[in-house]
Protein backbone atom coordinates (compact mmCIF):
# COMPACT_ATOMS: atom_id res chain seq x y z
CA MET A 1 168.73 99.75 142.44
CA GLY A 2 170.03 103.16 141.41
CA LEU A 3 167.98 106.26 140.68
CA GLU A 4 168.37 105.92 136.91
CA GLU A 5 167.01 102.36 136.99
CA GLU A 6 164.09 103.46 139.18
CA ILE A 7 163.33 106.27 136.74
CA ASP A 8 163.37 103.85 133.80
CA GLU A 9 161.02 101.47 135.61
CA LEU A 10 158.58 104.26 136.41
CA ARG A 11 158.60 105.44 132.80
CA GLU A 12 157.92 101.92 131.57
CA GLU A 13 155.02 101.45 134.00
CA ILE A 14 153.50 104.80 132.99
CA GLN A 15 153.77 103.92 129.29
CA SER A 16 152.27 100.47 129.80
CA THR A 17 149.30 101.68 131.87
CA PRO A 18 146.28 102.73 129.78
CA TYR A 19 145.06 106.19 130.76
CA ASN A 20 141.42 106.46 131.79
CA LYS A 21 139.43 107.80 134.72
CA SER A 22 139.95 104.66 136.79
CA THR A 23 143.75 104.71 136.33
CA GLU A 24 144.16 108.48 136.57
CA ALA A 25 145.03 108.52 140.29
CA HIS A 26 147.55 105.67 139.87
CA ILE A 27 149.25 107.32 136.90
CA GLY A 28 149.26 110.61 138.77
CA ARG A 29 151.15 109.04 141.68
CA LEU A 30 153.60 107.38 139.29
CA LYS A 31 154.29 110.66 137.51
CA ALA A 32 154.73 112.44 140.83
CA LYS A 33 157.27 109.81 141.92
CA LEU A 34 159.03 110.16 138.57
CA ALA A 35 159.26 113.94 138.91
CA GLU A 36 160.70 113.66 142.42
CA LYS A 37 163.31 111.08 141.42
CA LYS A 38 164.34 113.06 138.33
CA GLU A 39 164.75 116.12 140.54
CA LYS A 40 166.89 114.12 142.98
CA LEU A 41 169.06 112.74 140.16
CA GLU A 42 169.50 116.21 138.69
CA ASN A 43 170.53 117.62 142.08
CA GLN A 44 173.09 114.84 142.49
CA SER A 45 174.50 115.57 139.04
CA SER A 46 174.66 119.31 139.77
CA ALA A 47 176.52 118.63 143.01
CA GLY A 48 179.24 116.96 140.96
CA GLY A 49 180.11 120.27 139.36
CA GLY A 50 180.66 121.03 135.70
CA VAL A 51 181.36 123.87 133.34
CA GLY A 52 178.47 126.25 132.87
CA TYR A 53 177.83 129.19 130.60
CA ALA A 54 177.57 132.39 132.62
CA VAL A 55 176.01 135.07 130.43
CA GLU A 56 175.11 138.38 132.02
CA LYS A 57 171.71 139.63 130.92
CA THR A 58 171.88 143.12 129.47
CA GLY A 59 169.61 145.34 127.44
CA ASP A 60 165.83 145.58 127.50
CA ALA A 61 165.13 141.87 126.86
CA THR A 62 166.95 138.62 126.09
CA ILE A 63 166.16 135.98 123.47
CA ALA A 64 167.73 132.55 123.00
CA LEU A 65 168.25 131.04 119.56
CA VAL A 66 167.61 127.31 119.86
CA GLY A 67 168.42 124.79 117.17
CA PHE A 68 170.39 121.71 116.30
CA PRO A 69 173.98 122.15 115.08
CA SER A 70 174.61 123.74 111.68
CA VAL A 71 171.09 125.09 111.23
CA GLY A 72 172.44 128.61 110.66
CA LYS A 73 172.09 130.28 114.05
CA SER A 74 175.53 131.87 113.99
CA THR A 75 174.93 133.26 110.52
CA LEU A 76 171.63 134.73 111.65
CA ILE A 77 172.99 136.35 114.79
CA ASN A 78 175.82 137.91 112.78
CA ALA A 79 173.25 139.31 110.35
CA ILE A 80 170.96 140.91 112.94
CA THR A 81 173.34 141.90 115.75
CA ASN A 82 176.81 143.20 116.47
CA ALA A 83 178.08 139.73 117.42
CA ASP A 84 180.89 137.98 115.58
CA SER A 85 180.23 134.26 115.95
CA GLU A 86 182.54 131.71 114.38
CA THR A 87 180.72 129.70 111.69
CA GLY A 88 181.51 126.67 109.59
CA GLU A 89 179.97 123.70 107.82
CA TYR A 90 180.39 121.15 110.60
CA GLU A 91 178.72 120.17 113.85
CA PHE A 92 179.42 121.93 117.16
CA THR A 93 180.72 125.06 115.44
CA THR A 94 179.45 127.37 118.17
CA LEU A 95 181.54 126.34 121.15
CA ASN A 96 180.43 129.00 123.61
CA VAL A 97 177.34 131.09 124.20
CA ASN A 98 177.83 134.11 121.96
CA PRO A 99 175.76 137.16 122.95
CA GLY A 100 174.96 139.87 120.44
CA MET A 101 172.78 142.99 120.68
CA LEU A 102 169.90 143.56 118.30
CA GLN A 103 169.02 147.25 118.19
CA TYR A 104 165.45 147.61 116.99
CA ARG A 105 162.81 150.31 117.40
CA GLY A 106 164.95 151.97 120.03
CA ALA A 107 165.30 148.78 122.10
CA ASN A 108 168.46 146.82 122.89
CA ILE A 109 167.57 143.12 122.62
CA GLN A 110 170.24 140.67 123.72
CA VAL A 111 170.41 137.61 121.45
CA LEU A 112 172.11 134.47 122.77
CA ASP A 113 173.48 132.14 120.12
CA VAL A 114 173.71 129.01 122.26
CA PRO A 115 175.64 125.92 121.15
CA GLY A 116 173.60 123.66 118.89
CA LEU A 117 171.46 121.27 120.89
CA ILE A 118 171.71 117.55 120.34
CA GLU A 119 169.33 114.80 121.38
CA GLY A 120 169.77 113.99 125.05
CA ALA A 121 170.82 117.54 125.94
CA ALA A 122 168.52 117.64 128.97
CA GLY A 123 170.26 114.47 130.19
CA GLY A 124 173.65 116.10 129.90
CA ARG A 125 174.85 115.01 126.45
CA GLY A 126 177.16 117.51 124.76
CA GLY A 127 177.06 119.89 127.72
CA GLY A 128 173.35 120.16 127.11
CA LYS A 129 172.33 120.95 130.69
CA GLU A 130 174.61 123.98 130.79
CA VAL A 131 173.26 125.15 127.44
CA LEU A 132 169.67 124.68 128.52
CA SER A 133 170.30 126.57 131.75
CA VAL A 134 171.10 129.62 129.61
CA VAL A 135 167.81 129.22 127.73
CA ARG A 136 165.97 129.32 131.06
CA THR A 137 167.23 132.87 131.67
CA ALA A 138 165.82 134.24 128.40
CA ASP A 139 162.58 136.17 127.88
CA LEU A 140 161.81 134.49 124.54
CA VAL A 141 162.83 131.28 122.78
CA VAL A 142 163.38 131.51 119.03
CA PHE A 143 163.41 128.07 117.43
CA MET A 144 165.52 127.97 114.30
CA LEU A 145 164.70 125.12 111.93
CA SER A 146 165.86 124.18 108.47
CA VAL A 147 163.00 124.08 105.98
CA PHE A 148 164.28 120.59 105.13
CA GLU A 149 164.21 119.34 108.75
CA ILE A 150 160.96 120.64 110.24
CA GLU A 151 160.48 117.35 112.13
CA LYS A 152 163.30 118.35 114.49
CA TYR A 153 160.96 120.84 116.17
CA ASP A 154 159.43 118.07 118.29
CA ARG A 155 162.85 116.93 119.49
CA LEU A 156 163.90 120.47 120.38
CA SER A 157 160.66 121.09 122.27
CA GLU A 158 161.09 117.83 124.16
CA GLU A 159 164.62 118.74 125.26
CA LEU A 160 163.35 122.04 126.64
CA TYR A 161 160.41 120.34 128.35
CA HIS A 162 162.72 117.88 130.10
CA ASN A 163 164.70 120.84 131.37
CA LYS A 164 161.59 122.33 133.00
CA ILE A 165 160.97 124.92 130.28
CA ARG A 166 157.28 125.28 129.45
CA LEU A 167 156.52 127.08 126.21
CA ASP A 168 153.52 129.18 125.21
CA THR A 169 151.44 128.22 128.20
CA GLU A 170 150.45 129.83 131.48
CA ARG A 171 151.65 128.73 134.88
CA PRO A 172 149.10 126.32 136.44
CA SER A 173 146.90 127.87 139.08
CA VAL A 174 147.86 125.70 142.05
CA PHE A 175 148.14 127.21 145.55
CA ILE A 176 149.30 125.18 148.54
CA ASN A 177 149.18 126.24 152.19
CA LYS A 178 150.89 123.83 154.58
CA LYS A 179 149.08 123.10 157.83
CA GLY A 180 150.05 121.44 161.09
CA ARG A 181 147.18 118.99 161.06
CA GLY A 182 143.88 118.13 159.41
CA GLY A 183 145.13 116.15 156.42
CA ILE A 184 144.85 117.43 152.86
CA ARG A 185 141.86 119.60 151.96
CA VAL A 186 141.20 120.31 148.30
CA THR A 187 139.27 123.26 146.89
CA LYS A 188 138.79 123.33 143.13
CA THR A 189 136.80 125.31 140.61
CA ASP A 190 134.03 123.70 138.57
CA ASP A 191 136.21 123.39 135.46
CA VAL A 192 138.81 121.17 137.18
CA GLN A 193 138.43 117.66 135.74
CA LEU A 194 140.95 115.94 138.04
CA ASP A 195 139.19 114.21 140.92
CA GLU A 196 140.03 114.95 144.52
CA GLU A 197 141.72 111.62 145.23
CA THR A 198 144.06 112.07 142.26
CA ILE A 199 145.06 115.51 143.54
CA LYS A 200 145.56 114.24 147.10
CA GLY A 201 147.60 111.24 145.92
CA ILE A 202 149.96 113.42 143.90
CA LEU A 203 150.39 115.82 146.84
CA ARG A 204 151.26 112.93 149.17
CA GLU A 205 153.91 111.71 146.75
CA HIS A 206 155.46 115.15 147.01
CA GLY A 207 155.58 114.95 150.79
CA TYR A 208 152.43 116.85 151.75
CA VAL A 209 150.53 115.40 154.72
CA ASN A 210 148.57 118.37 156.02
CA ALA A 211 147.75 121.16 153.60
CA GLU A 212 145.04 123.25 152.00
CA VAL A 213 145.31 123.24 148.20
CA THR A 214 143.36 125.33 145.71
CA VAL A 215 143.31 124.27 142.06
CA ARG A 216 141.81 126.38 139.28
CA GLY A 217 141.35 125.59 135.60
CA ASP A 218 141.14 122.41 133.55
CA ILE A 219 144.71 121.25 134.14
CA THR A 220 146.29 117.86 133.44
CA VAL A 221 148.15 115.59 135.84
CA ASP A 222 151.45 116.85 134.42
CA GLU A 223 150.41 120.47 134.88
CA LEU A 224 149.35 119.77 138.47
CA ILE A 225 152.81 118.31 139.15
CA ASP A 226 154.40 121.37 137.51
CA GLY A 227 152.38 123.61 139.83
CA ILE A 228 153.39 121.63 142.90
CA MET A 229 157.09 121.50 141.95
CA ASP A 230 157.01 125.27 141.28
CA ASN A 231 160.42 125.33 139.56
CA ARG A 232 159.34 125.43 135.94
CA ILE A 233 160.09 128.37 133.63
CA TYR A 234 157.28 129.66 131.37
CA LEU A 235 158.42 131.32 128.16
CA PRO A 236 156.87 132.43 124.88
CA SER A 237 158.37 131.09 121.64
CA ILE A 238 158.42 131.76 117.92
CA VAL A 239 159.75 129.73 114.98
CA ALA A 240 162.05 130.81 112.15
CA ALA A 241 162.37 128.44 109.17
CA ASN A 242 165.80 129.01 107.66
CA LYS A 243 167.19 128.24 104.18
CA ALA A 244 163.92 129.29 102.56
CA ASP A 245 165.93 130.53 99.57
CA LEU A 246 166.89 126.94 98.72
CA ILE A 247 163.38 125.57 98.20
CA ASP A 248 161.43 125.59 94.95
CA PRO A 249 157.94 127.13 95.03
CA ASP A 250 156.53 123.65 94.34
CA TYR A 251 158.10 122.39 97.58
CA LEU A 252 156.53 125.07 99.79
CA PRO A 253 153.23 123.14 100.30
CA THR A 254 155.29 120.20 101.57
CA VAL A 255 157.06 122.44 104.07
CA GLU A 256 153.72 123.82 105.24
CA ASP A 257 152.32 120.30 105.67
CA ASN A 258 155.40 119.34 107.69
CA LEU A 259 154.85 122.37 109.92
CA ARG A 260 151.23 121.38 110.56
CA GLU A 261 152.34 117.84 111.44
CA VAL A 262 154.39 119.17 114.34
CA GLY A 263 151.59 121.48 115.47
CA LEU A 264 152.82 124.73 113.91
CA ASP A 265 150.70 127.16 111.92
CA PRO A 266 152.60 128.05 108.71
CA GLU A 267 151.12 131.55 108.92
CA GLU A 268 152.84 132.07 112.29
CA VAL A 269 156.26 130.79 111.16
CA VAL A 270 158.76 133.30 109.74
CA PHE A 271 160.53 132.06 106.61
CA ILE A 272 164.06 133.45 106.36
CA SER A 273 167.40 133.05 104.67
CA ALA A 274 170.18 133.95 107.09
CA VAL A 275 172.80 133.73 104.34
CA GLU A 276 170.87 135.93 101.89
CA GLU A 277 169.55 138.12 104.75
CA LYS A 278 165.96 137.72 103.56
CA GLY A 279 162.93 137.81 105.84
CA LEU A 280 164.94 139.35 108.67
CA ASP A 281 162.72 142.43 109.05
CA ALA A 282 159.69 140.18 109.45
CA LEU A 283 161.61 138.14 112.04
CA LYS A 284 162.52 141.28 114.00
CA ASP A 285 158.86 142.34 114.00
CA LYS A 286 157.87 138.89 115.27
CA ILE A 287 160.48 139.05 118.03
CA TRP A 288 159.25 142.49 119.07
CA ASP A 289 155.62 141.40 119.24
CA ALA A 290 156.42 138.16 121.08
CA LEU A 291 158.45 139.99 123.71
CA GLY A 292 155.62 142.45 124.26
CA LEU A 293 157.89 145.49 124.27
CA ILE A 294 156.58 149.06 124.27
CA ARG A 295 158.31 152.41 123.67
CA ILE A 296 157.76 155.35 125.99
CA TYR A 297 158.93 158.76 124.78
CA MET A 298 160.10 160.90 127.67
CA ASP A 299 159.15 164.58 127.73
CA LYS A 300 162.26 166.10 129.27
CA PRO A 301 162.05 169.57 130.89
CA GLY A 302 163.60 172.20 128.67
CA ARG A 303 164.47 169.69 125.94
CA GLY A 304 161.10 168.47 124.71
CA VAL A 305 160.12 164.95 123.74
CA ASP A 306 162.97 162.50 123.05
CA TYR A 307 161.81 160.36 120.13
CA GLU A 308 165.33 159.06 119.39
CA GLU A 309 165.99 157.05 122.55
CA PRO A 310 162.72 155.79 124.04
CA LEU A 311 162.36 154.18 127.42
CA VAL A 312 161.61 150.52 126.60
CA LEU A 313 159.17 148.67 128.88
CA MET A 314 156.93 145.60 128.71
CA GLU A 315 153.21 145.50 127.98
CA GLY A 316 151.30 146.04 131.21
CA ASP A 317 154.06 148.12 132.82
CA THR A 318 153.02 151.22 134.74
CA VAL A 319 154.32 154.71 135.41
CA GLY A 320 155.77 153.22 138.59
CA THR A 321 157.75 150.72 136.51
CA ALA A 322 159.06 153.59 134.40
CA CYS A 323 160.15 155.46 137.54
CA LYS A 324 161.97 152.37 138.80
CA LYS A 325 163.82 151.98 135.51
CA LEU A 326 164.72 155.67 135.41
CA GLY A 327 166.31 155.55 138.85
CA LYS A 328 165.79 156.05 142.56
CA LYS A 329 165.38 159.79 142.22
CA PHE A 330 162.14 159.34 140.26
CA GLU A 331 160.89 156.56 142.56
CA ASP A 332 161.43 158.42 145.81
CA ARG A 333 160.52 161.96 144.71
CA PHE A 334 157.63 161.22 142.37
CA ARG A 335 154.69 163.65 142.62
CA PHE A 336 152.63 162.93 139.52
CA ALA A 337 153.01 162.31 135.79
CA ARG A 338 151.35 163.51 132.63
CA VAL A 339 150.67 161.15 129.73
CA SER A 340 149.68 161.75 126.13
CA GLY A 341 149.10 158.94 123.68
CA PRO A 342 147.27 155.62 123.37
CA SER A 343 146.87 155.01 127.13
CA ALA A 344 145.61 158.51 127.95
CA LYS A 345 142.01 159.66 127.98
CA HIS A 346 143.21 163.04 126.72
CA ASP A 347 146.50 164.83 126.11
CA ASP A 348 148.52 165.63 129.23
CA GLN A 349 146.32 163.47 131.43
CA GLN A 350 147.56 163.64 135.02
CA VAL A 351 148.18 160.15 136.40
CA GLY A 352 149.77 158.35 139.32
CA LYS A 353 152.26 155.48 139.52
CA ASP A 354 149.59 152.82 138.89
CA HIS A 355 148.68 154.12 135.41
CA VAL A 356 149.28 151.40 132.76
CA LEU A 357 151.30 152.70 129.83
CA ALA A 358 150.98 151.79 126.14
CA ASP A 359 153.32 151.74 123.16
CA GLU A 360 154.39 155.21 122.00
CA ASP A 361 152.98 157.09 124.98
CA VAL A 362 154.61 160.42 125.79
CA LEU A 363 155.43 160.61 129.50
CA ARG A 364 156.43 163.61 131.61
CA ILE A 365 157.27 163.01 135.28
CA THR A 366 157.07 165.72 137.88
CA ALA A 367 159.28 165.10 140.92
CA GLU A 368 159.72 166.97 144.18
CA ARG A 369 162.73 169.23 144.31
């Protein structure tokens, strides 16, 4: 029996087994076996070669536009960036990954217009694996849906999930320390609902015989497997509903109901028209917020504060991060910095490298001569 047949059998057994506390350990072992066999099959497929999409990441952040063919991605990227992507009214218009640069609030945001996904992309249909591998390198996924085909969101999400992309969720808190003997010892916090035998069974299926494992949080069997595999990518996402100019006001409640059916809050979805270039400012704001970008205005000796070209960082970044981005000179010769703005207790507060910066801070770095 080949790997694909074994995978199908495991999926069928999982689907046919009712999930409850008494079957949890069994289903956990089945899912662990399934994950291992899918990984093995994927590695075999990768070894066979294939054409990939090599896109160099540039700018301050990278987003990937994800959608089925002919949803309007190329039109959107042409409207918001300097890209020039071929468009047309037929499937598979975008034949390569077309990068463009969105310049917004002083930041350079790379936008990847990837070829339209089709069902089965994670399994390799239509070059899907190569396309999805590009999505894995992004900092943000932007789903682009037609207002008339909201139901396709589930299928897009599923394709990304099968390619180890986890959206809008945190990495499971699973820590494993291999040992030479002693079997498997499990330490878990009070909020972990999985029982110890389920955890041990899943670890054994992944080849662990002697190990200390610590599990925190109320995670599922699938999340435990994700934590053990440790090769998943965790990305934020937003949704843009395109062709909003084509719907009548009376149809809007139907669109909102369709969004709720696939688990989306209509208030969080950005309605746009790529053709009419409507709603694009709201989309840019949403992208900015989802990426968590901040602007740092550098106070340059003898030239004053540069408000035209800010240093763009991520929320939570420190003065040390700024020094690293500015270059080795600032890293190696740093003495202290002065900060004015939202993160400072007062103007010109003297700080060290560990000071956490905030959007629109003014930063002056003093370096050794």
